[in-house]
Amino acid sequence: MTRLNNKVAIITGAGSGIGKASAIMFAKEGANVIVTDINEESANNVSEYINQQGGNSIALHVDVSQEKQLQEMIDTTIKHFEKIDILFNNATNTDPEMSKKDSSFFT
């Protein structure tokens, strides 16, 4: 399967569950996958699995509630792959206080 050949996909919360399954499937479809998760070990494990299966992936520790980490995620992706085609915002922040701060970090 190659529907995503040469595409670059960032997947947040990709260390487990739906995010992990999605990261693996995106890689099987040919995407270069940036596996991000607040749990660095989990992100590393998923990325390593993708690479062992012949995919192309890097892992990043990202807390989606931290604007600086989000910017670093983007900068690292551009540095490694020169573009971003897909952003799958799978991670969630359940902290009610942080939810009040929701806004676009691009503005």
PDB file of N, CA and C in Angstrom:
ATOM      1  N   MET A   1       0.843  -1.183   0.000  1.00  0.00           N
ATOM      2  CA  MET A   1       0.000   0.000   0.000  1.00  0.00           C
ATOM      3  C   MET A   1       0.886   1.244   0.000  1.00  0.00           C
ATOM      4  N   THR A   2       0.510   2.200  -0.797  1.00  0.00           N
ATOM      5  CA  THR A   2       1.375   3.380  -0.939  1.00  0.00           C
ATOM      6  C   THR A   2       0.584   4.675  -1.111  1.00  0.00           C
ATOM      7  N   ARG A   3      -0.585   4.739  -0.541  1.00  0.00           N
ATOM      8  CA  ARG A   3      -1.405   5.951  -0.696  1.00  0.00           C
ATOM      9  C   ARG A   3      -0.751   7.199  -0.130  1.00  0.00           C
ATOM     10  N   LEU A   4       0.168   7.042   0.811  1.00  0.00           N
ATOM     11  CA  LEU A   4       0.791   8.199   1.455  1.00  0.00           C
ATOM     12  C   LEU A   4       2.275   8.332   1.122  1.00  0.00           C
ATOM     13  N   ASN A   5       2.706   7.737   0.016  1.00  0.00           N
ATOM     14  CA  ASN A   5       4.118   7.833  -0.366  1.00  0.00           C
ATOM     15  C   ASN A   5       4.590   9.272  -0.388  1.00  0.00           C
ATOM     16  N   ASN A   6       5.754   9.488   0.221  1.00  0.00           N
ATOM     17  CA  ASN A   6       6.415  10.793   0.258  1.00  0.00           C
ATOM     18  C   ASN A   6       5.659  11.857   1.051  1.00  0.00           C
ATOM     19  N   LYS A   7       4.637  11.481   1.761  1.00  0.00           N
ATOM     20  CA  LYS A   7       3.937  12.411   2.644  1.00  0.00           C
ATOM     21  C   LYS A   7       4.627  12.396   4.004  1.00  0.00           C
ATOM     22  N   VAL A   8       4.527  13.503   4.715  1.00  0.00           N
ATOM     23  CA  VAL A   8       5.103  13.626   6.053  1.00  0.00           C
ATOM     24  C   VAL A   8       3.951  13.834   7.027  1.00  0.00           C
ATOM     25  N   ALA A   9       3.850  12.922   7.991  1.00  0.00           N
ATOM     26  CA  ALA A   9       2.736  12.948   8.934  1.00  0.00           C
ATOM     27  C   ALA A   9       3.233  13.064  10.365  1.00  0.00           C
ATOM     28  N   ILE A  10       2.742  14.083  11.058  1.00  0.00           N
ATOM     29  CA  ILE A  10       2.956  14.204  12.497  1.00  0.00           C
ATOM     30  C   ILE A  10       1.720  13.621  13.171  1.00  0.00           C
ATOM     31  N   ILE A  11       1.942  12.729  14.120  1.00  0.00           N
ATOM     32  CA  ILE A  11       0.825  12.165  14.874  1.00  0.00           C
ATOM     33  C   ILE A  11       1.102  12.387  16.356  1.00  0.00           C
ATOM     34  N   THR A  12       0.261  13.180  16.993  1.00  0.00           N
ATOM     35  CA  THR A  12       0.409  13.406  18.428  1.00  0.00           C
ATOM     36  C   THR A  12      -0.293  12.279  19.179  1.00  0.00           C
ATOM     37  N   GLY A  13       0.213  11.974  20.350  1.00  0.00           N
ATOM     38  CA  GLY A  13      -0.372  10.888  21.137  1.00  0.00           C
ATOM     39  C   GLY A  13      -0.190   9.540  20.465  1.00  0.00           C
ATOM     40  N   ALA A  14       0.926   9.359  19.756  1.00  0.00           N
ATOM     41  CA  ALA A  14       1.140   8.152  18.961  1.00  0.00           C
ATOM     42  C   ALA A  14       1.881   7.057  19.717  1.00  0.00           C
ATOM     43  N   GLY A  15       2.048   7.220  21.000  1.00  0.00           N
ATOM     44  CA  GLY A  15       2.754   6.216  21.784  1.00  0.00           C
ATOM     45  C   GLY A  15       1.917   5.027  22.179  1.00  0.00           C
ATOM     46  N   SER A  16       0.589   5.131  22.018  1.00  0.00           N
ATOM     47  CA  SER A  16      -0.290   4.031  22.403  1.00  0.00           C
ATOM     48  C   SER A  16      -1.653   4.204  21.740  1.00  0.00           C
ATOM     49  N   GLY A  17      -2.461   3.178  21.852  1.00  0.00           N
ATOM     50  CA  GLY A  17      -3.848   3.236  21.409  1.00  0.00           C
ATOM     51  C   GLY A  17      -4.046   3.592  19.949  1.00  0.00           C
ATOM     52  N   ILE A  18      -5.039   4.440  19.703  1.00  0.00           N
ATOM     53  CA  ILE A  18      -5.390   4.858  18.344  1.00  0.00           C
ATOM     54  C   ILE A  18      -4.219   5.560  17.670  1.00  0.00           C
ATOM     55  N   GLY A  19      -3.496   6.382  18.399  1.00  0.00           N
ATOM     56  CA  GLY A  19      -2.347   7.077  17.827  1.00  0.00           C
ATOM     57  C   GLY A  19      -1.281   6.114  17.346  1.00  0.00           C
ATOM     58  N   LYS A  20      -0.987   5.104  18.144  1.00  0.00           N
ATOM     59  CA  LYS A  20       0.004   4.097  17.766  1.00  0.00           C
ATOM     60  C   LYS A  20      -0.452   3.346  16.524  1.00  0.00           C
ATOM     61  N   ALA A  21      -1.685   2.876  16.539  1.00  0.00           N
ATOM     62  CA  ALA A  21      -2.219   2.143  15.387  1.00  0.00           C
ATOM     63  C   ALA A  21      -2.197   3.009  14.133  1.00  0.00           C
ATOM     64  N   SER A  22      -2.520   4.277  14.283  1.00  0.00           N
ATOM     65  CA  SER A  22      -2.521   5.196  13.144  1.00  0.00           C
ATOM     66  C   SER A  22      -1.110   5.418  12.618  1.00  0.00           C
ATOM     67  N   ALA A  23      -0.154   5.609  13.515  1.00  0.00           N
ATOM     68  CA  ALA A  23       1.234   5.820  13.104  1.00  0.00           C
ATOM     69  C   ALA A  23       1.740   4.625  12.302  1.00  0.00           C
ATOM     70  N   ILE A  24       1.450   3.439  12.775  1.00  0.00           N
ATOM     71  CA  ILE A  24       1.879   2.225  12.076  1.00  0.00           C
ATOM     72  C   ILE A  24       1.203   2.125  10.707  1.00  0.00           C
ATOM     73  N   MET A  25      -0.074   2.410  10.644  1.00  0.00           N
ATOM     74  CA  MET A  25      -0.797   2.342   9.370  1.00  0.00           C
ATOM     75  C   MET A  25      -0.316   3.419   8.392  1.00  0.00           C
ATOM     76  N   PHE A  26      -0.096   4.638   8.876  1.00  0.00           N
ATOM     77  CA  PHE A  26       0.422   5.696   8.009  1.00  0.00           C
ATOM     78  C   PHE A  26       1.755   5.265   7.408  1.00  0.00           C
ATOM     79  N   ALA A  27       2.614   4.663   8.235  1.00  0.00           N
ATOM     80  CA  ALA A  27       3.915   4.203   7.744  1.00  0.00           C
ATOM     81  C   ALA A  27       3.746   3.093   6.707  1.00  0.00           C
ATOM     82  N   LYS A  28       2.834   2.164   6.953  1.00  0.00           N
ATOM     83  CA  LYS A  28       2.571   1.093   5.984  1.00  0.00           C
ATOM     84  C   LYS A  28       2.081   1.658   4.655  1.00  0.00           C
ATOM     85  N   GLU A  29       1.429   2.804   4.718  1.00  0.00           N
ATOM     86  CA  GLU A  29       0.929   3.460   3.507  1.00  0.00           C
ATOM     87  C   GLU A  29       1.989   4.331   2.848  1.00  0.00           C
ATOM     88  N   GLY A  30       3.202   4.359   3.422  1.00  0.00           N
ATOM     89  CA  GLY A  30       4.314   5.047   2.794  1.00  0.00           C
ATOM     90  C   GLY A  30       4.695   6.397   3.373  1.00  0.00           C
ATOM     91  N   ALA A  31       4.002   6.845   4.410  1.00  0.00           N
ATOM     92  CA  ALA A  31       4.312   8.157   4.991  1.00  0.00           C
ATOM     93  C   ALA A  31       5.574   8.103   5.845  1.00  0.00           C
ATOM     94  N   ASN A  32       6.285   9.205   5.882  1.00  0.00           N
ATOM     95  CA  ASN A  32       7.318   9.443   6.876  1.00  0.00           C
ATOM     96  C   ASN A  32       6.575   9.913   8.122  1.00  0.00           C
ATOM     97  N   VAL A  33       6.759   9.226   9.238  1.00  0.00           N
ATOM     98  CA  VAL A  33       5.930   9.477  10.418  1.00  0.00           C
ATOM     99  C   VAL A  33       6.750  10.057  11.557  1.00  0.00           C
ATOM    100  N   ILE A  34       6.245  11.164  12.109  1.00  0.00           N
ATOM    101  CA  ILE A  34       6.801  11.740  13.319  1.00  0.00           C
ATOM    102  C   ILE A  34       5.889  11.269  14.454  1.00  0.00           C
ATOM    103  N   VAL A  35       6.404  10.372  15.267  1.00  0.00           N
ATOM    104  CA  VAL A  35       5.658   9.791  16.374  1.00  0.00           C
ATOM    105  C   VAL A  35       5.892  10.680  17.588  1.00  0.00           C
ATOM    106  N   THR A  36       4.849  11.347  18.062  1.00  0.00           N
ATOM    107  CA  THR A  36       5.006  12.205  19.236  1.00  0.00           C
ATOM    108  C   THR A  36       4.123  11.704  20.367  1.00  0.00           C
ATOM    109  N   ASP A  37       4.640  11.861  21.578  1.00  0.00           N
ATOM    110  CA  ASP A  37       3.875  11.458  22.746  1.00  0.00           C
ATOM    111  C   ASP A  37       4.493  12.104  23.974  1.00  0.00           C
ATOM    112  N   ILE A  38       3.686  12.297  24.992  1.00  0.00           N
ATOM    113  CA  ILE A  38       4.181  12.822  26.264  1.00  0.00           C
ATOM    114  C   ILE A  38       5.063  11.778  26.948  1.00  0.00           C
ATOM    115  N   ASN A  39       4.823  10.503  26.618  1.00  0.00           N
ATOM    116  CA  ASN A  39       5.639   9.402  27.133  1.00  0.00           C
ATOM    117  C   ASN A  39       6.720   9.104  26.103  1.00  0.00           C
ATOM    118  N   GLU A  40       7.917   9.609  26.363  1.00  0.00           N
ATOM    119  CA  GLU A  40       9.018   9.503  25.408  1.00  0.00           C
ATOM    120  C   GLU A  40       9.370   8.050  25.076  1.00  0.00           C
ATOM    121  N   GLU A  41       9.365   7.194  26.073  1.00  0.00           N
ATOM    122  CA  GLU A  41       9.694   5.788  25.843  1.00  0.00           C
ATOM    123  C   GLU A  41       8.688   5.140  24.887  1.00  0.00           C
ATOM    124  N   SER A  42       7.414   5.429  25.082  1.00  0.00           N
ATOM    125  CA  SER A  42       6.389   4.882  24.193  1.00  0.00           C
ATOM    126  C   SER A  42       6.571   5.374  22.766  1.00  0.00           C
ATOM    127  N   ALA A  43       6.849   6.668  22.608  1.00  0.00           N
ATOM    128  CA  ALA A  43       7.078   7.222  21.269  1.00  0.00           C
ATOM    129  C   ALA A  43       8.276   6.549  20.622  1.00  0.00           C
ATOM    130  N   ASN A  44       9.350   6.373  21.380  1.00  0.00           N
ATOM    131  CA  ASN A  44      10.544   5.712  20.851  1.00  0.00           C
ATOM    132  C   ASN A  44      10.245   4.282  20.421  1.00  0.00           C
ATOM    133  N   ASN A  45       9.463   3.565  21.220  1.00  0.00           N
ATOM    134  CA  ASN A  45       9.136   2.174  20.894  1.00  0.00           C
ATOM    135  C   ASN A  45       8.335   2.066  19.606  1.00  0.00           C
ATOM    136  N   VAL A  46       7.367   2.944  19.422  1.00  0.00           N
ATOM    137  CA  VAL A  46       6.555   2.918  18.212  1.00  0.00           C
ATOM    138  C   VAL A  46       7.409   3.282  16.996  1.00  0.00           C
ATOM    139  N   SER A  47       8.217   4.308  17.128  1.00  0.00           N
ATOM    140  CA  SER A  47       9.083   4.724  16.031  1.00  0.00           C
ATOM    141  C   SER A  47      10.060   3.614  15.653  1.00  0.00           C
ATOM    142  N   GLU A  48      10.636   2.980  16.648  1.00  0.00           N
ATOM    143  CA  GLU A  48      11.569   1.878  16.403  1.00  0.00           C
ATOM    144  C   GLU A  48      10.863   0.736  15.667  1.00  0.00           C
ATOM    145  N   TYR A  49       9.653   0.412  16.086  1.00  0.00           N
ATOM    146  CA  TYR A  49       8.881  -0.645  15.423  1.00  0.00           C
ATOM    147  C   TYR A  49       8.648  -0.291  13.951  1.00  0.00           C
ATOM    148  N   ILE A  50       8.234   0.942  13.699  1.00  0.00           N
ATOM    149  CA  ILE A  50       7.995   1.381  12.319  1.00  0.00           C
ATOM    150  C   ILE A  50       9.265   1.230  11.491  1.00  0.00           C
ATOM    151  N   ASN A  51      10.382   1.666  12.013  1.00  0.00           N
ATOM    152  CA  ASN A  51      11.651   1.587  11.283  1.00  0.00           C
ATOM    153  C   ASN A  51      12.070   0.137  11.046  1.00  0.00           C
ATOM    154  N   GLN A  52      11.834  -0.739  12.021  1.00  0.00           N
ATOM    155  CA  GLN A  52      12.171  -2.159  11.867  1.00  0.00           C
ATOM    156  C   GLN A  52      11.321  -2.815  10.788  1.00  0.00           C
ATOM    157  N   GLN A  53      10.108  -2.274  10.577  1.00  0.00           N
ATOM    158  CA  GLN A  53       9.211  -2.822   9.561  1.00  0.00           C
ATOM    159  C   GLN A  53       9.472  -2.231   8.177  1.00  0.00           C
ATOM    160  N   GLY A  54      10.505  -1.408   8.063  1.00  0.00           N
ATOM    161  CA  GLY A  54      10.853  -0.824   6.769  1.00  0.00           C
ATOM    162  C   GLY A  54      10.321   0.575   6.545  1.00  0.00           C
ATOM    163  N   GLY A  55       9.653   1.143   7.550  1.00  0.00           N
ATOM    164  CA  GLY A  55       9.143   2.507   7.437  1.00  0.00           C
ATOM    165  C   GLY A  55      10.206   3.528   7.797  1.00  0.00           C
ATOM    166  N   ASN A  56       9.801   4.774   7.755  1.00  0.00           N
ATOM    167  CA  ASN A  56      10.705   5.872   8.095  1.00  0.00           C
ATOM    168  C   ASN A  56      10.023   6.727   9.152  1.00  0.00           C
ATOM    169  N   SER A  57      10.626   6.778  10.333  1.00  0.00           N
ATOM    170  CA  SER A  57       9.981   7.444  11.458  1.00  0.00           C
ATOM    171  C   SER A  57      11.012   8.047  12.400  1.00  0.00           C
ATOM    172  N   ILE A  58      10.610   9.120  13.064  1.00  0.00           N
ATOM    173  CA  ILE A  58      11.368   9.646  14.186  1.00  0.00           C
ATOM    174  C   ILE A  58      10.402   9.836  15.349  1.00  0.00           C
ATOM    175  N   ALA A  59      10.942   9.765  16.545  1.00  0.00           N
ATOM    176  CA  ALA A  59      10.136   9.932  17.755  1.00  0.00           C
ATOM    177  C   ALA A  59      10.490  11.245  18.423  1.00  0.00           C
ATOM    178  N   LEU A  60       9.475  11.909  18.950  1.00  0.00           N
ATOM    179  CA  LEU A  60       9.691  13.153  19.686  1.00  0.00           C
ATOM    180  C   LEU A  60       8.856  13.144  20.960  1.00  0.00           C
ATOM    181  N   HIS A  61       9.459  13.614  22.042  1.00  0.00           N
ATOM    182  CA  HIS A  61       8.708  13.834  23.281  1.00  0.00           C
ATOM    183  C   HIS A  61       7.984  15.162  23.126  1.00  0.00           C
ATOM    184  N   VAL A  62       6.652  15.136  23.164  1.00  0.00           N
ATOM    185  CA  VAL A  62       5.867  16.358  23.006  1.00  0.00           C
ATOM    186  C   VAL A  62       4.702  16.336  23.993  1.00  0.00           C
ATOM    187  N   ASP A  63       4.617  17.383  24.787  1.00  0.00           N
ATOM    188  CA  ASP A  63       3.460  17.647  25.632  1.00  0.00           C
ATOM    189  C   ASP A  63       2.648  18.703  24.893  1.00  0.00           C
ATOM    190  N   VAL A  64       1.484  18.316  24.378  1.00  0.00           N
ATOM    191  CA  VAL A  64       0.707  19.227  23.533  1.00  0.00           C
ATOM    192  C   VAL A  64       0.185  20.446  24.282  1.00  0.00           C
ATOM    193  N   SER A  65       0.317  20.459  25.590  1.00  0.00           N
ATOM    194  CA  SER A  65      -0.110  21.638  26.348  1.00  0.00           C
ATOM    195  C   SER A  65       0.996  22.688  26.432  1.00  0.00           C
ATOM    196  N   GLN A  66       2.172  22.368  25.867  1.00  0.00           N
ATOM    197  CA  GLN A  66       3.326  23.266  25.938  1.00  0.00           C
ATOM    198  C   GLN A  66       3.632  23.848  24.555  1.00  0.00           C
ATOM    199  N   GLU A  67       3.339  25.118  24.381  1.00  0.00           N
ATOM    200  CA  GLU A  67       3.518  25.770  23.088  1.00  0.00           C
ATOM    201  C   GLU A  67       4.941  25.622  22.553  1.00  0.00           C
ATOM    202  N   LYS A  68       5.922  25.760  23.431  1.00  0.00           N
ATOM    203  CA  LYS A  68       7.320  25.652  22.999  1.00  0.00           C
ATOM    204  C   LYS A  68       7.601  24.270  22.406  1.00  0.00           C
ATOM    205  N   GLN A  69       7.069  23.233  23.019  1.00  0.00           N
ATOM    206  CA  GLN A  69       7.280  21.883  22.508  1.00  0.00           C
ATOM    207  C   GLN A  69       6.581  21.675  21.161  1.00  0.00           C
ATOM    208  N   LEU A  70       5.440  22.300  20.980  1.00  0.00           N
ATOM    209  CA  LEU A  70       4.756  22.214  19.689  1.00  0.00           C
ATOM    210  C   LEU A  70       5.568  22.884  18.593  1.00  0.00           C
ATOM    211  N   GLN A  71       6.142  24.038  18.908  1.00  0.00           N
ATOM    212  CA  GLN A  71       6.973  24.730  17.921  1.00  0.00           C
ATOM    213  C   GLN A  71       8.212  23.909  17.595  1.00  0.00           C
ATOM    214  N   GLU A  72       8.820  23.300  18.612  1.00  0.00           N
ATOM    215  CA  GLU A  72       9.985  22.443  18.388  1.00  0.00           C
ATOM    216  C   GLU A  72       9.612  21.223  17.538  1.00  0.00           C
ATOM    217  N   MET A  73       8.407  20.683  17.735  1.00  0.00           N
ATOM    218  CA  MET A  73       7.919  19.561  16.936  1.00  0.00           C
ATOM    219  C   MET A  73       7.874  19.951  15.456  1.00  0.00           C
ATOM    220  N   ILE A  74       7.336  21.119  15.188  1.00  0.00           N
ATOM    221  CA  ILE A  74       7.251  21.602  13.812  1.00  0.00           C
ATOM    222  C   ILE A  74       8.641  21.856  13.243  1.00  0.00           C
ATOM    223  N   ASP A  75       9.467  22.548  14.001  1.00  0.00           N
ATOM    224  CA  ASP A  75      10.823  22.861  13.534  1.00  0.00           C
ATOM    225  C   ASP A  75      11.626  21.594  13.238  1.00  0.00           C
ATOM    226  N   THR A  76      11.524  20.603  14.111  1.00  0.00           N
ATOM    227  CA  THR A  76      12.255  19.350  13.912  1.00  0.00           C
ATOM    228  C   THR A  76      11.743  18.614  12.678  1.00  0.00           C
ATOM    229  N   THR A  77      10.442  18.613  12.495  1.00  0.00           N
ATOM    230  CA  THR A  77       9.861  17.953  11.321  1.00  0.00           C
ATOM    231  C   THR A  77      10.351  18.602  10.036  1.00  0.00           C
ATOM    232  N   ILE A  78      10.325  19.921   9.993  1.00  0.00           N
ATOM    233  CA  ILE A  78      10.792  20.647   8.799  1.00  0.00           C
ATOM    234  C   ILE A  78      12.284  20.389   8.575  1.00  0.00           C
ATOM    235  N   LYS A  79      13.055  20.363   9.648  1.00  0.00           N
ATOM    236  CA  LYS A  79      14.498  20.112   9.538  1.00  0.00           C
ATOM    237  C   LYS A  79      14.762  18.736   8.924  1.00  0.00           C
ATOM    238  N   HIS A  80      14.027  17.716   9.370  1.00  0.00           N
ATOM    239  CA  HIS A  80      14.264  16.347   8.912  1.00  0.00           C
ATOM    240  C   HIS A  80      13.620  16.047   7.563  1.00  0.00           C
ATOM    241  N   PHE A  81      12.416  16.560   7.336  1.00  0.00           N
ATOM    242  CA  PHE A  81      11.640  16.151   6.161  1.00  0.00           C
ATOM    243  C   PHE A  81      11.260  17.293   5.219  1.00  0.00           C
ATOM    244  N   GLU A  82      11.563  18.530   5.607  1.00  0.00           N
ATOM    245  CA  GLU A  82      11.372  19.725   4.777  1.00  0.00           C
ATOM    246  C   GLU A  82       9.922  20.120   4.514  1.00  0.00           C
ATOM    247  N   LYS A  83       8.975  19.408   5.109  1.00  0.00           N
ATOM    248  CA  LYS A  83       7.572  19.765   4.912  1.00  0.00           C
ATOM    249  C   LYS A  83       6.705  19.028   5.924  1.00  0.00           C
ATOM    250  N   ILE A  84       5.458  19.434   5.985  1.00  0.00           N
ATOM    251  CA  ILE A  84       4.439  18.734   6.764  1.00  0.00           C
ATOM    252  C   ILE A  84       3.218  18.619   5.865  1.00  0.00           C
ATOM    253  N   ASP A  85       2.770  17.392   5.620  1.00  0.00           N
ATOM    254  CA  ASP A  85       1.571  17.172   4.815  1.00  0.00           C
ATOM    255  C   ASP A  85       0.350  16.862   5.665  1.00  0.00           C
ATOM    256  N   ILE A  86       0.581  16.174   6.768  1.00  0.00           N
ATOM    257  CA  ILE A  86      -0.523  15.682   7.600  1.00  0.00           C
ATOM    258  C   ILE A  86      -0.216  15.972   9.063  1.00  0.00           C
ATOM    259  N   LEU A  87      -1.198  16.514   9.757  1.00  0.00           N
ATOM    260  CA  LEU A  87      -1.102  16.684  11.209  1.00  0.00           C
ATOM    261  C   LEU A  87      -2.317  16.009  11.821  1.00  0.00           C
ATOM    262  N   PHE A  88      -2.080  14.898  12.487  1.00  0.00           N
ATOM    263  CA  PHE A  88      -3.142  14.140  13.140  1.00  0.00           C
ATOM    264  C   PHE A  88      -3.073  14.448  14.632  1.00  0.00           C
ATOM    265  N   ASN A  89      -3.957  15.323  15.084  1.00  0.00           N
ATOM    266  CA  ASN A  89      -3.992  15.736  16.489  1.00  0.00           C
ATOM    267  C   ASN A  89      -4.770  14.702  17.307  1.00  0.00           C
ATOM    268  N   ASN A  90      -4.092  13.640  17.663  1.00  0.00           N
ATOM    269  CA  ASN A  90      -4.704  12.555  18.408  1.00  0.00           C
ATOM    270  C   ASN A  90      -4.584  12.755  19.917  1.00  0.00           C
ATOM    271  N   ALA A  91      -3.530  13.440  20.366  1.00  0.00           N
ATOM    272  CA  ALA A  91      -3.323  13.647  21.804  1.00  0.00           C
ATOM    273  C   ALA A  91      -4.412  14.551  22.362  1.00  0.00           C
ATOM    274  N   THR A  92      -4.693  14.333  23.610  1.00  0.00           N
ATOM    275  CA  THR A  92      -5.693  15.165  24.268  1.00  0.00           C
ATOM    276  C   THR A  92      -5.167  15.637  25.612  1.00  0.00           C
ATOM    277  N   ASN A  93      -5.633  16.780  25.998  1.00  0.00           N
ATOM    278  CA  ASN A  93      -5.280  17.324  27.296  1.00  0.00           C
ATOM    279  C   ASN A  93      -6.567  17.383  28.106  1.00  0.00           C
ATOM    280  N   THR A  94      -6.614  16.646  29.183  1.00  0.00           N
ATOM    281  CA  THR A  94      -7.839  16.581  29.983  1.00  0.00           C
ATOM    282  C   THR A  94      -7.811  17.497  31.201  1.00  0.00           C
ATOM    283  N   ASP A  95      -6.759  18.290  31.329  1.00  0.00           N
ATOM    284  CA  ASP A  95      -6.659  19.222  32.451  1.00  0.00           C
ATOM    285  C   ASP A  95      -7.612  20.394  32.210  1.00  0.00           C
ATOM    286  N   PRO A  96      -8.623  20.575  33.060  1.00  0.00           N
ATOM    287  CA  PRO A  96      -9.610  21.640  32.838  1.00  0.00           C
ATOM    288  C   PRO A  96      -9.006  23.050  32.809  1.00  0.00           C
ATOM    289  N   GLU A  97      -7.976  23.277  33.601  1.00  0.00           N
ATOM    290  CA  GLU A  97      -7.341  24.596  33.606  1.00  0.00           C
ATOM    291  C   GLU A  97      -6.613  24.863  32.295  1.00  0.00           C
ATOM    292  N   MET A  98      -5.939  23.852  31.776  1.00  0.00           N
ATOM    293  CA  MET A  98      -5.242  24.006  30.499  1.00  0.00           C
ATOM    294  C   MET A  98      -6.234  24.178  29.353  1.00  0.00           C
ATOM    295  N   SER A  99      -7.378  23.523  29.440  1.00  0.00           N
ATOM    296  CA  SER A  99      -8.390  23.617  28.385  1.00  0.00           C
ATOM    297  C   SER A  99      -8.889  25.047  28.208  1.00  0.00           C
ATOM    298  N   LYS A 100      -8.873  25.815  29.283  1.00  0.00           N
ATOM    299  CA  LYS A 100      -9.287  27.221  29.201  1.00  0.00           C
ATOM    300  C   LYS A 100      -8.328  28.045  28.360  1.00  0.00           C
ATOM    301  N   LYS A 101      -7.112  27.570  28.196  1.00  0.00           N
ATOM    302  CA  LYS A 101      -6.082  28.305  27.477  1.00  0.00           C
ATOM    303  C   LYS A 101      -6.040  27.951  25.993  1.00  0.00           C
ATOM    304  N   ASP A 102      -6.937  27.087  25.529  1.00  0.00           N
ATOM    305  CA  ASP A 102      -6.903  26.665  24.130  1.00  0.00           C
ATOM    306  C   ASP A 102      -6.921  27.861  23.193  1.00  0.00           C
ATOM    307  N   SER A 103      -5.945  27.876  22.330  1.00  0.00           N
ATOM    308  CA  SER A 103      -5.869  28.904  21.284  1.00  0.00           C
ATOM    309  C   SER A 103      -4.862  28.437  20.250  1.00  0.00           C
ATOM    310  N   SER A 104      -4.865  29.085  19.123  1.00  0.00           N
ATOM    311  CA  SER A 104      -3.906  28.744  18.074  1.00  0.00           C
ATOM    312  C   SER A 104      -2.538  29.292  18.436  1.00  0.00           C
ATOM    313  N   PHE A 105      -1.521  28.450  18.390  1.00  0.00           N
ATOM    314  CA  PHE A 105      -0.177  28.933  18.688  1.00  0.00           C
ATOM    315  C   PHE A 105       0.463  29.555  17.462  1.00  0.00           C
ATOM    316  N   PHE A 106      -0.216  29.546  16.340  1.00  0.00           N
ATOM    317  CA  PHE A 106       0.305  30.192  15.136  1.00  0.00           C
ATOM    318  C   PHE A 106      -0.018  31.681  15.098  1.00  0.00           C
ATOM    319  N   THR A 107      -0.907  32.129  15.967  1.00  0.00           N
ATOM    320  CA  THR A 107      -1.293  33.545  15.941  1.00  0.00           C
ATOM    321  C   THR A 107      -0.528  34.340  16.952  1.00  0.00           C
TER     322      THR A 107
END
